[in-house]
Amino acid sequence: MKPPLSIGIFGRFGRSASLRALDTALRAVDLHPNLVPEAVKLTTVRMLIDETGREDPGAEATHAAAEIVAYCLIGADAFAGANGTVLTREVERRIDAALASGISLAPGWSCSHFTHA
């Protein structure tokens, strides 16, 4: 059984630890979590949980996912301005590698293709 993810009352009180960790990781890459739709955050955390098989996917996987989400939402230029060109190139490399391997959101898709290699 999958662990429940709670967005809490009004999206604040009682949020699951995994969602709070993603919010923290998003802030670390200069994206305020309120700018990310809850559906995106819930899907991201659920995919991380499914991939790791743990209720707590871990800081490294959560941070790697936050980098991808931030890059996709704010674009390369804004991401580079906030996080530097080295991290931007690393995120782009991870995205390119995932796309080149034919990964999609179809069954069998793996979050590991988007994490640090």
C-alpha atoms as a PDB file:
ATOM      1  CA  MET A   1       0.000   0.000   0.000  1.00  0.00           C
ATOM      2  CA  LYS A   2       1.275   3.437  -0.898  1.00  0.00           C
ATOM      3  CA  PRO A   3       1.726   5.888   1.984  1.00  0.00           C
ATOM      4  CA  PRO A   4      -0.749   8.762   1.986  1.00  0.00           C
ATOM      5  CA  LEU A   5       0.437  12.200   0.960  1.00  0.00           C
ATOM      6  CA  SER A   6      -1.232  14.999   2.846  1.00  0.00           C
ATOM      7  CA  ILE A   7      -1.302  18.577   1.659  1.00  0.00           C
ATOM      8  CA  GLY A   8      -2.825  19.498   5.025  1.00  0.00           C
ATOM      9  CA  ILE A   9      -5.426  22.117   5.815  1.00  0.00           C
ATOM     10  CA  PHE A  10      -5.227  25.042   3.391  1.00  0.00           C
ATOM     11  CA  GLY A  11      -2.081  23.439   1.991  1.00  0.00           C
ATOM     12  CA  ARG A  12      -0.095  24.195   5.141  1.00  0.00           C
ATOM     13  CA  PHE A  13      -0.885  22.376   8.379  1.00  0.00           C
ATOM     14  CA  GLY A  14      -0.122  18.693   8.474  1.00  0.00           C
ATOM     15  CA  ARG A  15       1.748  18.434   5.161  1.00  0.00           C
ATOM     16  CA  SER A  16       3.507  15.126   4.732  1.00  0.00           C
ATOM     17  CA  ALA A  17       7.235  15.073   5.432  1.00  0.00           C
ATOM     18  CA  SER A  18       7.952  14.206   1.795  1.00  0.00           C
ATOM     19  CA  LEU A  19       6.064  17.265   0.540  1.00  0.00           C
ATOM     20  CA  ARG A  20       7.783  19.489   3.097  1.00  0.00           C
ATOM     21  CA  ALA A  21      11.146  18.125   1.945  1.00  0.00           C
ATOM     22  CA  LEU A  22      10.281  18.910  -1.684  1.00  0.00           C
ATOM     23  CA  ASP A  23       9.221  22.440  -0.689  1.00  0.00           C
ATOM     24  CA  THR A  24      12.605  22.905   1.021  1.00  0.00           C
ATOM     25  CA  ALA A  25      14.459  21.535  -2.013  1.00  0.00           C
ATOM     26  CA  LEU A  26      12.532  23.887  -4.318  1.00  0.00           C
ATOM     27  CA  ARG A  27      13.534  26.845  -2.155  1.00  0.00           C
ATOM     28  CA  ALA A  28      17.164  25.673  -2.351  1.00  0.00           C
ATOM     29  CA  VAL A  29      17.069  26.105  -6.141  1.00  0.00           C
ATOM     30  CA  ASP A  30      15.406  29.522  -5.780  1.00  0.00           C
ATOM     31  CA  LEU A  31      11.847  28.539  -6.665  1.00  0.00           C
ATOM     32  CA  HIS A  32       9.175  29.389  -4.119  1.00  0.00           C
ATOM     33  CA  PRO A  33       7.017  26.294  -3.565  1.00  0.00           C
ATOM     34  CA  ASN A  34       3.815  28.332  -3.872  1.00  0.00           C
ATOM     35  CA  LEU A  35       4.685  28.864  -7.553  1.00  0.00           C
ATOM     36  CA  VAL A  36       4.538  25.113  -8.174  1.00  0.00           C
ATOM     37  CA  PRO A  37       1.044  23.627  -8.542  1.00  0.00           C
ATOM     38  CA  GLU A  38       0.201  21.120  -5.798  1.00  0.00           C
ATOM     39  CA  ALA A  39      -0.582  18.522  -8.460  1.00  0.00           C
ATOM     40  CA  VAL A  40       2.988  18.792  -9.773  1.00  0.00           C
ATOM     41  CA  LYS A  41       4.437  18.444  -6.276  1.00  0.00           C
ATOM     42  CA  LEU A  42       2.177  15.493  -5.403  1.00  0.00           C
ATOM     43  CA  THR A  43       3.064  13.741  -8.659  1.00  0.00           C
ATOM     44  CA  THR A  44       6.777  14.398  -8.171  1.00  0.00           C
ATOM     45  CA  VAL A  45       6.773  13.011  -4.634  1.00  0.00           C
ATOM     46  CA  ARG A  46       4.633  10.016  -5.614  1.00  0.00           C
ATOM     47  CA  MET A  47       7.057   9.183  -8.444  1.00  0.00           C
ATOM     48  CA  LEU A  48      10.015   9.463  -6.065  1.00  0.00           C
ATOM     49  CA  ILE A  49       8.287   7.218  -3.517  1.00  0.00           C
ATOM     50  CA  ASP A  50       7.413   4.670  -6.208  1.00  0.00           C
ATOM     51  CA  GLU A  51      10.972   4.671  -7.544  1.00  0.00           C
ATOM     52  CA  THR A  52      12.742   4.382  -4.185  1.00  0.00           C
ATOM     53  CA  GLY A  53      10.166   2.138  -2.541  1.00  0.00           C
ATOM     54  CA  ARG A  54      10.404   4.260   0.595  1.00  0.00           C
ATOM     55  CA  GLU A  55       8.020   6.791   2.119  1.00  0.00           C
ATOM     56  CA  ASP A  56      11.007   9.115   2.464  1.00  0.00           C
ATOM     57  CA  PRO A  57      12.784   9.180  -0.910  1.00  0.00           C
ATOM     58  CA  GLY A  58      15.808  10.878   0.637  1.00  0.00           C
ATOM     59  CA  ALA A  59      17.363  14.299   0.329  1.00  0.00           C
ATOM     60  CA  GLU A  60      19.484  13.573  -2.755  1.00  0.00           C
ATOM     61  CA  ALA A  61      16.604  12.247  -4.871  1.00  0.00           C
ATOM     62  CA  THR A  62      14.271  15.003  -3.663  1.00  0.00           C
ATOM     63  CA  HIS A  63      16.804  17.714  -4.455  1.00  0.00           C
ATOM     64  CA  ALA A  64      17.493  16.236  -7.909  1.00  0.00           C
ATOM     65  CA  ALA A  65      13.761  16.227  -8.645  1.00  0.00           C
ATOM     66  CA  ALA A  66      13.431  19.830  -7.420  1.00  0.00           C
ATOM     67  CA  GLU A  67      16.189  20.856  -9.828  1.00  0.00           C
ATOM     68  CA  ILE A  68      14.282  19.336 -12.756  1.00  0.00           C
ATOM     69  CA  VAL A  69      10.971  20.882 -11.680  1.00  0.00           C
ATOM     70  CA  ALA A  70      12.532  24.325 -11.212  1.00  0.00           C
ATOM     71  CA  TYR A  71      14.348  24.165 -14.545  1.00  0.00           C
ATOM     72  CA  CYS A  72      11.152  23.180 -16.352  1.00  0.00           C
ATOM     73  CA  LEU A  73       9.022  25.836 -14.656  1.00  0.00           C
ATOM     74  CA  ILE A  74      11.306  28.868 -14.848  1.00  0.00           C
ATOM     75  CA  GLY A  75      13.409  28.048 -17.903  1.00  0.00           C
ATOM     76  CA  ALA A  76      17.120  27.768 -18.558  1.00  0.00           C
ATOM     77  CA  ASP A  77      18.021  31.458 -18.292  1.00  0.00           C
ATOM     78  CA  ALA A  78      16.247  32.108 -14.998  1.00  0.00           C
ATOM     79  CA  PHE A  79      17.511  28.808 -13.573  1.00  0.00           C
ATOM     80  CA  ALA A  80      21.089  29.672 -14.576  1.00  0.00           C
ATOM     81  CA  GLY A  81      20.740  33.143 -13.081  1.00  0.00           C
ATOM     82  CA  ALA A  82      19.696  31.678  -9.741  1.00  0.00           C
ATOM     83  CA  ASN A  83      21.804  28.506  -9.653  1.00  0.00           C
ATOM     84  CA  GLY A  84      24.785  29.072 -11.944  1.00  0.00           C
ATOM     85  CA  THR A  85      25.727  27.668 -15.296  1.00  0.00           C
ATOM     86  CA  VAL A  86      27.399  24.533 -13.924  1.00  0.00           C
ATOM     87  CA  LEU A  87      24.202  23.241 -12.288  1.00  0.00           C
ATOM     88  CA  THR A  88      22.161  24.354 -15.290  1.00  0.00           C
ATOM     89  CA  ARG A  89      24.354  22.329 -17.646  1.00  0.00           C
ATOM     90  CA  GLU A  90      24.148  19.325 -15.294  1.00  0.00           C
ATOM     91  CA  VAL A  91      20.331  19.478 -15.233  1.00  0.00           C
ATOM     92  CA  GLU A  92      20.236  19.850 -19.015  1.00  0.00           C
ATOM     93  CA  ARG A  93      22.562  16.849 -19.350  1.00  0.00           C
ATOM     94  CA  ARG A  94      20.252  14.761 -17.139  1.00  0.00           C
ATOM     95  CA  ILE A  95      17.192  15.797 -19.152  1.00  0.00           C
ATOM     96  CA  ASP A  96      18.953  15.099 -22.466  1.00  0.00           C
ATOM     97  CA  ALA A  97      20.126  11.683 -21.223  1.00  0.00           C
ATOM     98  CA  ALA A  98      16.600  10.750 -20.142  1.00  0.00           C
ATOM     99  CA  LEU A  99      15.114  11.867 -23.456  1.00  0.00           C
ATOM    100  CA  ALA A 100      17.822  10.094 -25.478  1.00  0.00           C
ATOM    101  CA  SER A 101      17.135   6.845 -23.660  1.00  0.00           C
ATOM    102  CA  GLY A 102      13.513   6.948 -24.820  1.00  0.00           C
ATOM    103  CA  ILE A 103      12.090   7.401 -21.350  1.00  0.00           C
ATOM    104  CA  SER A 104       8.488   8.538 -21.093  1.00  0.00           C
ATOM    105  CA  LEU A 105       5.766   8.566 -18.464  1.00  0.00           C
ATOM    106  CA  ALA A 106       4.598   5.206 -19.751  1.00  0.00           C
ATOM    107  CA  PRO A 107       4.812   2.089 -17.546  1.00  0.00           C
ATOM    108  CA  GLY A 108       8.414   1.295 -16.812  1.00  0.00           C
ATOM    109  CA  TRP A 109       9.457   4.947 -16.584  1.00  0.00           C
ATOM    110  CA  SER A 110      12.043   5.541 -13.890  1.00  0.00           C
ATOM    111  CA  CYS A 111      12.898   8.638 -11.866  1.00  0.00           C
ATOM    112  CA  SER A 112      16.472   7.374 -11.700  1.00  0.00           C
ATOM    113  CA  HIS A 113      17.002   8.703 -15.217  1.00  0.00           C
ATOM    114  CA  PHE A 114      16.611  12.221 -13.820  1.00  0.00           C
ATOM    115  CA  THR A 115      18.894  11.869 -10.804  1.00  0.00           C
ATOM    116  CA  HIS A 116      22.602  12.565 -10.602  1.00  0.00           C
ATOM    117  CA  ALA A 117      24.676  10.013 -12.456  1.00  0.00           C
END
